[in-house]
Amino acid sequence: MIRAAQADEAAQVRHVVLAAYQHYLPIIGRPPAPMLDDYAARIAAGQAWVLDDAGALAGVLVLEDGPDCFLLENIAVRPDRQRLGFGRMLLDFSEAEAARRGWSAVTLYTNALMTENIAIYARRGYVERERRTEKGFDRVYMEKRLQGASSN
């Protein structure tokens, strides 16, 4: 079940994210941006969602209504829950949520060194739109147009 994260779950959300991104430390040479985020603030802002698997948090989403796009800021699945379809479920949810909010596309970014993520998103219909360096990270921005959504 995917649901809004609760205030008392901030530490658990952070734990899921740290576990999911841990293997990128040697690749990037420093903690990826999601490892540095303030999840209590994200939860308070209504931007954090969790995938609850039999009472345990298996995955996390951070979704933002930006000024000009719907941003999938972060998607993370606990390593012991990966390859079970949970990432696909979270992506499906983010796309449905974007459409529900009236957006015609989902924008996301990933680190340029996370090549497997770029390939996953491309297989899901996300198209690379630009690359830029932000906050010291080389980011690849991708977008997926949603069928049947309004043109927000």
Protein backbone atom coordinates (compact mmCIF):
# COMPACT_ATOMS: atom_id res chain seq x y z
CA MET A 1 0.00 0.00 0.00
CA ILE A 2 1.32 3.46 -0.91
CA ARG A 3 0.30 6.22 1.44
CA ALA A 4 1.39 9.62 2.70
CA ALA A 5 4.28 9.38 5.16
CA GLN A 6 3.45 10.25 8.76
CA ALA A 7 5.42 12.68 10.93
CA ASP A 8 6.63 9.92 13.25
CA GLU A 9 8.09 8.01 10.28
CA ALA A 10 10.81 10.52 9.33
CA ALA A 11 13.62 8.38 10.77
CA GLN A 12 12.30 5.26 9.00
CA VAL A 13 11.99 7.14 5.70
CA ARG A 14 15.56 8.36 6.06
CA HIS A 15 16.71 4.81 6.86
CA VAL A 16 15.10 3.46 3.65
CA VAL A 17 16.76 6.20 1.59
CA LEU A 18 20.19 5.70 3.17
CA ALA A 19 20.02 1.96 2.57
CA ALA A 20 18.84 2.37 -1.03
CA TYR A 21 21.56 4.87 -1.97
CA GLN A 22 24.46 3.45 0.08
CA HIS A 23 25.98 1.58 -2.86
CA TYR A 24 26.37 4.87 -4.78
CA LEU A 25 28.86 6.34 -2.27
CA PRO A 26 31.95 4.82 -3.97
CA ILE A 27 30.56 5.57 -7.44
CA ILE A 28 29.80 9.24 -6.82
CA GLY A 29 32.48 9.80 -4.20
CA ARG A 30 30.11 11.47 -1.74
CA PRO A 31 26.55 11.02 -0.47
CA PRO A 32 23.97 11.39 -3.25
CA ALA A 33 21.56 14.29 -2.74
CA PRO A 34 18.68 12.11 -1.43
CA MET A 35 20.89 10.99 1.46
CA LEU A 36 21.15 14.64 2.56
CA ASP A 37 17.47 15.57 2.38
CA ASP A 38 15.34 16.63 5.37
CA TYR A 39 12.59 14.03 5.46
CA ALA A 40 10.79 15.51 8.45
CA ALA A 41 10.37 18.70 6.38
CA ARG A 42 9.31 16.69 3.34
CA ILE A 43 6.67 14.87 5.38
CA ALA A 44 5.43 18.12 6.94
CA ALA A 45 5.09 19.61 3.44
CA GLY A 46 3.04 16.61 2.25
CA GLN A 47 5.73 15.61 -0.26
CA ALA A 48 6.74 12.20 1.11
CA TRP A 49 4.98 8.94 0.39
CA VAL A 50 5.81 5.44 1.58
CA LEU A 51 5.21 1.96 0.29
CA ASP A 52 4.07 -0.04 3.29
CA ASP A 53 4.69 -3.75 2.84
CA ALA A 54 3.06 -5.72 5.65
CA GLY A 55 3.80 -3.01 8.21
CA ALA A 56 7.37 -2.32 7.10
CA LEU A 57 8.47 0.59 4.92
CA ALA A 58 9.78 -0.91 1.70
CA GLY A 59 9.98 2.23 -0.41
CA VAL A 60 9.85 6.02 -0.43
CA LEU A 61 8.73 8.67 -2.90
CA VAL A 62 9.21 12.42 -2.71
CA LEU A 63 6.90 14.31 -5.06
CA GLU A 64 6.80 18.07 -5.61
CA ASP A 65 4.43 20.38 -7.40
CA GLY A 66 6.97 22.78 -8.86
CA PRO A 67 6.26 26.11 -10.49
CA ASP A 68 6.53 24.61 -13.97
CA CYS A 69 6.55 20.83 -13.53
CA PHE A 70 5.58 17.88 -11.38
CA LEU A 71 8.88 16.63 -9.99
CA LEU A 72 9.61 13.11 -8.87
CA GLU A 73 12.34 14.27 -6.50
CA ASN A 74 13.25 10.88 -5.07
CA ILE A 75 12.33 7.24 -5.38
CA ALA A 76 13.99 4.67 -3.14
CA VAL A 77 13.39 1.00 -2.40
CA ARG A 78 15.10 -0.87 0.42
CA PRO A 79 17.78 -3.17 -1.00
CA ASP A 80 16.13 -6.29 0.45
CA ARG A 81 12.87 -5.33 -1.31
CA GLN A 82 14.37 -4.53 -4.71
CA ARG A 83 13.51 -6.60 -7.78
CA LEU A 84 10.02 -7.33 -6.39
CA GLY A 85 8.17 -4.75 -8.49
CA PHE A 86 8.05 -2.09 -5.79
CA GLY A 87 9.98 0.46 -7.85
CA ARG A 88 7.50 -0.05 -10.68
CA MET A 89 4.61 0.43 -8.24
CA LEU A 90 6.11 3.67 -6.96
CA LEU A 91 6.66 4.97 -10.51
CA ASP A 92 3.09 4.05 -11.42
CA PHE A 93 1.86 5.90 -8.34
CA SER A 94 3.90 9.02 -9.12
CA GLU A 95 2.54 9.12 -12.67
CA ALA A 96 -1.04 8.62 -11.46
CA GLU A 97 -0.56 11.30 -8.81
CA ALA A 98 0.78 13.75 -11.40
CA ALA A 99 -2.26 13.12 -13.60
CA ARG A 100 -4.59 13.42 -10.59
CA ARG A 101 -3.08 16.83 -9.86
CA GLY A 102 -3.59 17.92 -13.47
CA TRP A 103 -0.03 17.66 -14.76
CA SER A 104 0.63 16.40 -18.28
CA ALA A 105 4.12 15.06 -17.51
CA VAL A 106 6.42 13.84 -14.77
CA THR A 107 9.92 15.26 -14.53
CA LEU A 108 12.70 13.53 -12.63
CA TYR A 109 16.44 13.73 -12.39
CA THR A 110 19.15 11.30 -11.50
CA ASN A 111 22.88 11.54 -11.10
CA ALA A 112 24.72 11.10 -14.40
CA LEU A 113 26.79 8.33 -12.79
CA MET A 114 23.64 6.33 -11.95
CA THR A 115 23.54 4.88 -15.46
CA GLU A 116 21.32 1.93 -14.52
CA ASN A 117 18.65 4.37 -13.31
CA ILE A 118 18.80 6.29 -16.58
CA ALA A 119 18.23 3.02 -18.45
CA ILE A 120 15.32 2.03 -16.19
CA TYR A 121 13.60 5.39 -16.69
CA ALA A 122 14.17 5.26 -20.45
CA ARG A 123 12.50 1.84 -20.59
CA ARG A 124 9.56 3.39 -18.72
CA GLY A 125 9.15 6.08 -21.39
CA TYR A 126 11.14 8.88 -19.81
CA VAL A 127 13.11 10.97 -22.30
CA GLU A 128 16.29 12.83 -21.46
CA ARG A 129 15.66 16.59 -21.64
CA GLU A 130 18.90 18.09 -20.35
CA ARG A 131 22.02 17.62 -18.28
CA ARG A 132 23.20 20.19 -15.80
CA THR A 133 25.36 20.58 -12.75
CA GLU A 134 23.43 21.61 -9.63
CA LYS A 135 24.62 21.71 -6.04
CA GLY A 136 27.81 19.99 -7.16
CA PHE A 137 26.01 17.04 -8.79
CA ASP A 138 25.92 16.21 -12.51
CA ARG A 139 22.24 15.59 -13.12
CA VAL A 140 20.29 14.09 -15.99
CA TYR A 141 16.76 15.50 -16.25
CA MET A 142 14.16 13.25 -17.83
CA GLU A 143 10.48 13.67 -18.59
CA LYS A 144 7.57 11.40 -19.34
CA ARG A 145 4.45 12.75 -21.03
CA LEU A 146 1.28 11.31 -19.56
CA GLN A 147 -1.54 10.11 -21.75
CA GLY A 148 -4.91 11.70 -21.22
CA ALA A 149 -3.68 14.30 -18.72
CA SER A 150 -4.50 17.99 -18.88
CA SER A 151 -1.84 20.48 -19.95
CA ASN A 152 -0.74 21.90 -16.59
